Amino acid sequence: MNVLITGADGFIGKNLVVHLQELSNVVIDTFTRNDDIAALPGKVAKADFVFHLAGINRPQDPLEFTTGNVDLTRALADAVRASGRAVPLLYTSSTQAALDNVYGASKRGAEQVLEAMAEATGSAVYLFRLPNVFGKWARPNYNSAVATFCHNIARDLPIQINDRSARINLVYIDDVVRSFLQVMRGEHAGQPVIDVAPQYNASVGEIADHLEAFKASRGSLITEPVGTGFVRALYSTYVSYLPEDRFTYEVPKYGDERGVFVEMLKTRESGQFSYFTAHPGVTRGGHYHHTKTEKFLVIKGTANFRFRHMVSGELYELQTSGDKPVIVETVPGWTHDITNIGDEEMVVMLWANEIFDRELPDTYAKPLNA
């Protein structure tokens, strides 16, 4: 399939191009502000599908709304007519097309041009009236509060908020592109207006607070719930704005004669992750928990785990090594320890189901030999 993308060098265009490049059956052609308008007919003549993403939303002169949105769209529609073919076309309009402002009027004008072209040529036209779109590669300090906040907070720069309670509707760039690809594959045939889902609604203050929490998590090691939904998408967006010299950060390391202990990540609801080392012959542990549970994974070296029941005195012993990934889980009510029985340093990953609380540690010393 030959695909033409107008506005390919914009925020949405860049993301779409990369996704399309992952498909082996798609040939991409582009039209950007660097191309001559006279090139459009030739590009459209070869296209099997057109993504019309180009437009103006922050001009220096309001008249540019008309030239950049309506006139460009008319030139594209004329090129489809000249091709003599019914070329399906997807247009990124705006929710403001329903509003009474200059920008909205220009987007609605472009929609009307495409609707007339569709009626005249039989070309399928798909309109996306997008709200605020956020994600990687958006331009900060332009027309996206999320992009500006991410850019500034990631660089310790101040952000300006006029009304923390102001709410905005948002869609995530990957969801937008996924919907685009569904249209290209014919999954929305007969639907001239398509909404991207999921759509999120958040206040400006809530967005800023999330971003500040993402930044603070590098110091506290306590991550926000970034695995699903809006927070997941917002976290991925924030990380994409990190400057290269902030791709890494240090975490504390605690060492003694036994080895080192390093905490990596803490969660409010799903525990924490860490690792520790032990020199040959060193034993760690020798304690029990009433409720806390842990999972150990030896990734280097050879370990001997011992468990003794706190009531019956029953003893259980097992060995694991980094050669074979085996999870060893501690059980409440059993005191336990781990000994490096190999000839090299042992490295062990550890997950605990709760963040360590010095006030309520649920960790009670009880050596197995006592």
Protein backbone atom coordinates (compact mmCIF):
# COMPACT_ATOMS: atom_id res chain seq x y z
CA MET A 1 0.00 0.00 0.00
CA ASN A 2 1.27 3.45 -0.92
CA VAL A 3 0.52 5.94 1.83
CA LEU A 4 0.80 9.72 1.65
CA ILE A 5 1.15 11.72 4.88
CA THR A 6 0.79 15.49 4.88
CA GLY A 7 2.34 17.17 7.90
CA ALA A 8 4.65 14.19 8.36
CA ASP A 9 7.19 16.26 10.27
CA GLY A 10 4.70 17.34 12.96
CA PHE A 11 4.02 15.75 16.32
CA ILE A 12 1.35 13.31 15.17
CA GLY A 13 3.06 12.81 11.82
CA LYS A 14 6.37 11.72 13.32
CA ASN A 15 4.65 9.11 15.48
CA LEU A 16 2.56 7.84 12.58
CA VAL A 17 5.59 7.54 10.29
CA VAL A 18 7.50 5.42 12.81
CA HIS A 19 4.51 3.11 13.31
CA LEU A 20 4.04 2.72 9.57
CA GLN A 21 7.72 1.96 9.10
CA GLU A 22 7.17 -1.13 11.24
CA LEU A 23 4.82 -2.53 8.57
CA SER A 24 6.41 -4.44 5.71
CA ASN A 25 3.57 -3.83 3.24
CA VAL A 26 3.48 -0.02 3.41
CA VAL A 27 5.41 2.47 1.25
CA ILE A 28 5.44 5.96 2.77
CA ASP A 29 5.44 9.26 0.90
CA THR A 30 5.33 12.58 2.72
CA PHE A 31 4.31 16.17 2.13
CA THR A 32 5.65 18.82 4.50
CA ARG A 33 5.92 22.60 4.58
CA ASN A 34 9.23 22.23 2.75
CA ASP A 35 7.47 20.77 -0.31
CA ASP A 36 6.01 22.80 -3.14
CA ILE A 37 2.22 22.68 -3.34
CA ALA A 38 2.65 21.78 -7.01
CA ALA A 39 4.00 18.40 -5.91
CA LEU A 40 0.66 17.34 -4.38
CA PRO A 41 -1.06 16.00 -7.53
CA GLY A 42 1.86 13.72 -8.35
CA LYS A 43 2.00 12.40 -4.80
CA VAL A 44 -1.75 11.83 -4.60
CA ALA A 45 -1.74 10.06 -7.97
CA LYS A 46 0.42 7.30 -6.44
CA ALA A 47 -1.36 7.09 -3.09
CA ASP A 48 -3.70 4.31 -1.97
CA PHE A 49 -4.45 6.14 1.29
CA VAL A 50 -3.92 9.72 2.48
CA PHE A 51 -3.34 10.86 6.05
CA HIS A 52 -3.99 14.60 6.02
CA LEU A 53 -2.35 15.83 9.22
CA ALA A 54 -0.97 19.16 8.02
CA GLY A 55 -2.48 22.34 9.39
CA ILE A 56 -1.95 25.58 11.25
CA ASN A 57 -2.88 26.10 14.89
CA ARG A 58 -0.56 28.83 16.15
CA PRO A 59 -0.07 31.36 13.33
CA GLN A 60 1.40 34.82 13.72
CA ASP A 61 -1.37 36.13 11.47
CA PRO A 62 -4.94 34.77 11.88
CA LEU A 63 -5.28 34.75 8.08
CA GLU A 64 -2.87 31.81 8.09
CA PHE A 65 -5.66 29.69 9.56
CA THR A 66 -7.39 29.89 6.21
CA THR A 67 -4.31 29.33 4.06
CA GLY A 68 -2.89 26.57 6.23
CA ASN A 69 -6.11 24.70 6.91
CA VAL A 70 -8.76 25.45 4.28
CA ASP A 71 -6.63 26.33 1.23
CA LEU A 72 -4.17 23.46 1.70
CA THR A 73 -7.05 21.04 2.16
CA ARG A 74 -8.68 22.38 -1.01
CA ALA A 75 -5.46 21.80 -2.96
CA LEU A 76 -5.36 18.24 -1.62
CA ALA A 77 -9.00 17.67 -2.55
CA ASP A 78 -8.35 19.01 -6.05
CA ALA A 79 -5.45 16.58 -6.38
CA VAL A 80 -7.75 13.68 -5.47
CA ARG A 81 -10.24 14.83 -8.10
CA ALA A 82 -7.47 15.12 -10.67
CA SER A 83 -6.31 11.58 -9.96
CA GLY A 84 -9.61 10.22 -11.22
CA ARG A 85 -9.63 7.70 -8.39
CA ALA A 86 -11.54 7.28 -5.13
CA VAL A 87 -8.68 7.74 -2.67
CA PRO A 88 -9.60 7.21 1.01
CA LEU A 89 -8.48 10.11 3.18
CA LEU A 90 -8.18 10.62 6.94
CA TYR A 91 -8.23 14.17 8.27
CA THR A 92 -7.15 15.34 11.71
CA SER A 93 -9.64 18.03 12.56
CA SER A 94 -10.22 19.40 16.04
CA THR A 95 -12.93 19.47 18.68
CA GLN A 96 -12.80 23.22 18.16
CA ALA A 97 -14.42 22.72 14.75
CA ALA A 98 -17.71 22.88 16.65
CA LEU A 99 -16.78 26.18 18.34
CA ASP A 100 -17.15 29.77 17.20
CA ASN A 101 -13.53 30.87 16.83
CA VAL A 102 -11.19 31.52 13.93
CA TYR A 103 -9.25 28.29 14.33
CA GLY A 104 -12.38 26.20 14.72
CA ALA A 105 -13.95 27.84 11.69
CA SER A 106 -10.91 26.99 9.57
CA LYS A 107 -10.98 23.33 10.65
CA ARG A 108 -14.69 23.11 9.93
CA GLY A 109 -14.08 24.76 6.56
CA ALA A 110 -11.51 22.09 5.76
CA GLU A 111 -13.99 19.40 6.76
CA GLN A 112 -16.58 20.86 4.38
CA VAL A 113 -14.05 20.87 1.52
CA LEU A 114 -13.37 17.17 2.10
CA GLU A 115 -17.07 16.33 2.45
CA ALA A 116 -17.70 17.92 -0.95
CA MET A 117 -14.75 16.07 -2.44
CA ALA A 118 -16.04 12.77 -1.05
CA GLU A 119 -19.44 13.32 -2.59
CA ALA A 120 -17.92 14.21 -5.95
CA THR A 121 -15.35 11.41 -6.16
CA GLY A 122 -16.69 8.62 -3.98
CA SER A 123 -13.57 8.82 -1.83
CA ALA A 124 -14.11 7.75 1.76
CA VAL A 125 -13.27 10.56 4.19
CA TYR A 126 -12.65 9.94 7.88
CA LEU A 127 -12.74 12.89 10.25
CA PHE A 128 -10.98 12.83 13.62
CA ARG A 129 -12.06 15.76 15.77
CA LEU A 130 -9.19 15.45 18.19
CA PRO A 131 -9.00 17.04 21.64
CA ASN A 132 -5.58 17.72 23.18
CA VAL A 133 -3.12 15.03 22.07
CA PHE A 134 -0.15 14.21 24.28
CA GLY A 135 2.84 11.90 23.97
CA LYS A 136 6.43 11.79 22.82
CA TRP A 137 7.82 14.30 20.31
CA ALA A 138 5.25 17.05 20.88
CA ARG A 139 6.76 20.52 20.77
CA PRO A 140 7.10 22.23 24.16
CA ASN A 141 6.27 25.90 24.63
CA TYR A 142 3.99 25.77 21.60
CA ASN A 143 0.43 24.53 21.97
CA SER A 144 0.63 21.62 24.42
CA ALA A 145 0.58 22.21 28.16
CA VAL A 146 1.57 18.59 28.76
CA ALA A 147 4.63 18.88 26.51
CA THR A 148 5.65 22.17 28.11
CA PHE A 149 5.20 20.85 31.65
CA CYS A 150 7.15 17.65 30.86
CA HIS A 151 9.99 19.57 29.22
CA ASN A 152 10.31 22.08 32.05
CA ILE A 153 9.90 19.73 35.00
CA ALA A 154 12.41 17.29 33.52
CA ARG A 155 14.92 20.15 33.41
CA ASP A 156 14.17 21.76 36.82
CA LEU A 157 12.53 24.72 35.09
CA PRO A 158 9.44 26.45 36.50
CA ILE A 159 5.99 25.92 35.03
CA GLN A 160 3.21 28.49 34.88
CA ILE A 161 -0.35 27.54 35.81
CA ASN A 162 -3.08 30.15 35.58
CA ASP A 163 -5.93 27.95 36.82
CA ARG A 164 -5.16 24.61 38.48
CA SER A 165 -8.82 23.61 38.35
CA ALA A 166 -9.19 24.07 34.59
CA ARG A 167 -10.01 20.70 33.03
CA ILE A 168 -8.94 19.47 29.61
CA ASN A 169 -9.80 16.46 27.48
CA LEU A 170 -6.86 14.46 26.23
CA VAL A 171 -6.01 11.48 24.05
CA TYR A 172 -2.69 9.67 23.97
CA ILE A 173 -0.65 9.59 20.79
CA ASP A 174 -0.36 5.80 20.63
CA ASP A 175 -4.15 5.48 20.88
CA VAL A 176 -4.51 8.07 18.11
CA VAL A 177 -2.11 6.21 15.81
CA ARG A 178 -3.77 2.88 16.61
CA SER A 179 -7.10 4.33 15.50
CA PHE A 180 -5.47 5.70 12.35
CA LEU A 181 -4.11 2.29 11.43
CA GLN A 182 -7.49 0.69 12.04
CA VAL A 183 -9.02 3.13 9.54
CA MET A 184 -6.28 2.38 7.00
CA ARG A 185 -7.02 -1.34 7.36
CA GLY A 186 -10.72 -0.71 6.67
CA GLU A 187 -11.96 -1.43 10.20
CA HIS A 188 -14.06 1.77 10.36
CA ALA A 189 -15.71 1.65 6.95
CA GLY A 190 -18.88 3.72 6.88
CA GLN A 191 -17.90 5.81 9.90
CA PRO A 192 -17.17 9.34 8.66
CA VAL A 193 -16.48 10.75 12.14
CA ILE A 194 -14.34 8.72 14.52
CA ASP A 195 -13.54 9.31 18.17
CA VAL A 196 -10.29 8.10 19.68
CA ALA A 197 -10.66 5.98 22.80
CA PRO A 198 -9.84 6.10 25.59
CA GLN A 199 -10.28 9.80 26.21
CA TYR A 200 -9.05 11.25 29.48
CA ASN A 201 -10.19 14.28 31.42
CA ALA A 202 -7.90 15.89 33.97
CA SER A 203 -7.30 19.24 35.56
CA VAL A 204 -4.16 21.19 34.80
CA GLY A 205 -3.22 20.92 38.47
CA GLU A 206 -3.63 17.14 38.48
CA ILE A 207 -1.36 16.81 35.45
CA ALA A 208 1.32 18.99 37.05
CA ASP A 209 1.10 17.04 40.32
CA HIS A 210 1.56 13.73 38.51
CA LEU A 211 4.60 15.05 36.67
CA GLU A 212 6.15 16.42 39.86
CA ALA A 213 5.57 13.03 41.52
CA PHE A 214 7.31 11.26 38.62
CA LYS A 215 10.30 13.51 39.12
CA ALA A 216 10.31 13.02 42.90
CA SER A 217 10.18 9.24 42.57
CA ARG A 218 13.85 9.15 41.64
CA GLY A 219 14.66 10.34 45.15
CA SER A 220 12.01 8.47 47.15
CA LEU A 221 12.16 5.39 44.88
CA ILE A 222 8.36 5.23 45.28
CA THR A 223 6.82 4.97 41.84
CA GLU A 224 3.36 6.18 40.92
CA PRO A 225 0.92 3.53 39.57
CA VAL A 226 2.28 3.80 36.02
CA GLY A 227 1.09 0.46 34.66
CA THR A 228 -2.33 1.37 33.29
CA GLY A 229 -4.51 4.17 31.97
CA PHE A 230 -3.79 7.87 32.00
CA VAL A 231 -0.93 7.71 34.49
CA ARG A 232 0.83 5.10 32.35
CA ALA A 233 0.55 7.28 29.25
CA LEU A 234 1.54 10.43 31.11
CA TYR A 235 4.60 8.75 32.66
CA SER A 236 5.79 7.50 29.27
CA THR A 237 5.33 11.02 27.94
CA TYR A 238 7.28 12.56 30.82
CA VAL A 239 10.19 10.15 30.43
CA SER A 240 10.36 10.91 26.69
CA TYR A 241 11.25 14.53 27.55
CA LEU A 242 14.21 13.68 29.75
CA PRO A 243 17.46 15.17 28.44
CA GLU A 244 20.12 12.59 27.66
CA ASP A 245 22.19 13.42 30.74
CA ARG A 246 19.18 12.42 32.89
CA PHE A 247 18.60 9.00 31.40
CA THR A 248 20.32 7.62 34.51
CA TYR A 249 20.20 8.29 38.24
CA GLU A 250 21.94 6.84 41.25
CA VAL A 251 20.30 4.97 44.11
CA PRO A 252 21.76 4.46 47.61
CA LYS A 253 24.01 1.47 48.25
CA TYR A 254 24.48 0.07 51.75
CA GLY A 255 27.50 -2.13 52.34
CA ASP A 256 29.17 -4.04 55.20
CA GLU A 257 31.44 -7.05 55.60
CA ARG A 258 28.73 -9.33 54.19
CA GLY A 259 28.21 -7.50 50.87
CA VAL A 260 25.94 -4.73 49.62
CA PHE A 261 22.20 -4.03 49.65
CA VAL A 262 20.53 -1.76 47.07
CA GLU A 263 16.85 -0.75 46.82
CA MET A 264 15.70 -0.13 43.26
CA LEU A 265 11.97 0.57 43.22
CA LYS A 266 9.11 0.93 45.70
CA THR A 267 5.37 0.87 45.08
CA ARG A 268 2.59 1.96 47.40
CA GLU A 269 0.46 -1.12 46.79
CA SER A 270 2.73 -3.84 45.40
CA GLY A 271 5.86 -3.83 47.52
CA GLN A 272 9.44 -3.02 46.63
CA PHE A 273 12.36 -4.39 44.61
CA SER A 274 16.00 -4.59 45.63
CA TYR A 275 19.10 -6.73 45.33
CA PHE A 276 21.91 -7.78 47.61
CA THR A 277 25.25 -9.51 47.38
CA ALA A 278 26.98 -11.93 49.71
CA HIS A 279 30.62 -13.00 49.83
CA PRO A 280 31.47 -16.72 49.90
CA GLY A 281 30.47 -18.27 53.24
CA VAL A 282 28.34 -15.28 54.28
CA THR A 283 24.86 -15.88 55.72
CA ARG A 284 22.13 -13.23 55.51
CA GLY A 285 18.74 -13.21 57.15
CA GLY A 286 18.04 -15.13 60.31
CA HIS A 287 14.64 -13.56 60.94
CA TYR A 288 10.94 -14.21 60.47
CA HIS A 289 7.82 -12.26 59.53
CA HIS A 290 4.21 -12.53 60.65
CA THR A 291 2.69 -11.15 57.45
CA LYS A 292 5.43 -9.88 55.14
CA THR A 293 6.38 -12.14 52.24
CA GLU A 294 9.39 -12.03 49.93
CA LYS A 295 10.57 -13.57 46.69
CA PHE A 296 14.28 -14.30 46.14
CA LEU A 297 15.96 -14.97 42.80
CA VAL A 298 19.63 -15.90 42.76
CA ILE A 299 21.07 -14.50 39.54
CA LYS A 300 24.74 -15.22 40.28
CA GLY A 301 26.38 -17.74 42.57
CA THR A 302 25.00 -20.63 44.63
CA ALA A 303 22.72 -20.27 47.64
CA ASN A 304 21.52 -22.46 50.46
CA PHE A 305 18.15 -21.43 51.87
CA ARG A 306 17.04 -22.64 55.30
CA PHE A 307 13.59 -22.38 56.88
CA ARG A 308 12.54 -23.30 60.43
CA HIS A 309 8.93 -23.27 61.60
CA MET A 310 8.49 -20.95 64.59
CA VAL A 311 6.12 -23.34 66.41
CA SER A 312 6.94 -26.90 65.35
CA GLY A 313 10.68 -26.37 64.80
CA GLU A 314 10.47 -28.21 61.49
CA LEU A 315 13.53 -27.49 59.30
CA TYR A 316 13.49 -27.22 55.51
CA GLU A 317 16.54 -26.62 53.31
CA LEU A 318 17.10 -26.09 49.58
CA GLN A 319 19.75 -24.88 47.15
CA THR A 320 19.49 -22.69 44.06
CA SER A 321 21.99 -21.04 41.74
CA GLY A 322 22.21 -18.46 39.05
CA ASP A 323 22.44 -21.25 36.45
CA LYS A 324 18.74 -22.01 36.81
CA PRO A 325 16.20 -19.28 37.60
CA VAL A 326 14.15 -20.44 40.58
CA ILE A 327 12.03 -18.20 42.80
CA VAL A 328 12.28 -18.93 46.51
CA GLU A 329 9.41 -17.48 48.52
CA THR A 330 9.58 -16.79 52.24
CA VAL A 331 6.57 -17.95 54.23
CA PRO A 332 5.14 -16.09 57.25
CA GLY A 333 5.87 -17.90 60.50
CA TRP A 334 9.08 -19.52 59.25
CA THR A 335 12.42 -18.00 60.21
CA HIS A 336 14.80 -18.10 57.27
CA ASP A 337 18.31 -17.34 56.09
CA ILE A 338 20.40 -17.60 52.92
CA THR A 339 24.06 -18.61 52.73
CA ASN A 340 26.49 -18.24 49.85
CA ILE A 341 27.86 -21.78 49.51
CA GLY A 342 29.75 -21.07 46.30
CA ASP A 343 33.26 -19.79 45.56
CA GLU A 344 32.18 -16.46 44.00
CA GLU A 345 30.16 -13.45 45.04
CA MET A 346 26.45 -14.19 45.13
CA VAL A 347 23.92 -11.71 43.72
CA VAL A 348 20.25 -12.05 44.67
CA MET A 349 17.20 -10.12 43.49
CA LEU A 350 14.56 -9.55 46.13
CA TRP A 351 10.91 -8.51 46.07
CA ALA A 352 9.00 -7.79 49.27
CA ASN A 353 5.24 -7.34 49.23
CA GLU A 354 5.40 -4.09 51.21
CA ILE A 355 7.67 -1.10 51.61
CA PHE A 356 9.93 -1.47 54.63
CA ASP A 357 8.51 0.51 57.54
CA ARG A 358 11.00 1.20 60.33
CA GLU A 359 8.13 1.83 62.75
CA LEU A 360 6.41 -1.47 61.89
CA PRO A 361 9.10 -3.59 60.25
CA ASP A 362 7.43 -7.01 60.80
CA THR A 363 10.96 -8.42 60.89
CA TYR A 364 12.05 -10.30 64.03
CA ALA A 365 15.54 -11.70 64.56
CA LYS A 366 15.64 -15.45 65.07
CA PRO A 367 18.81 -17.25 63.95
CA LEU A 368 18.05 -20.77 62.77
CA ASN A 369 20.74 -22.32 64.96
CA ALA A 370 19.51 -20.63 68.15
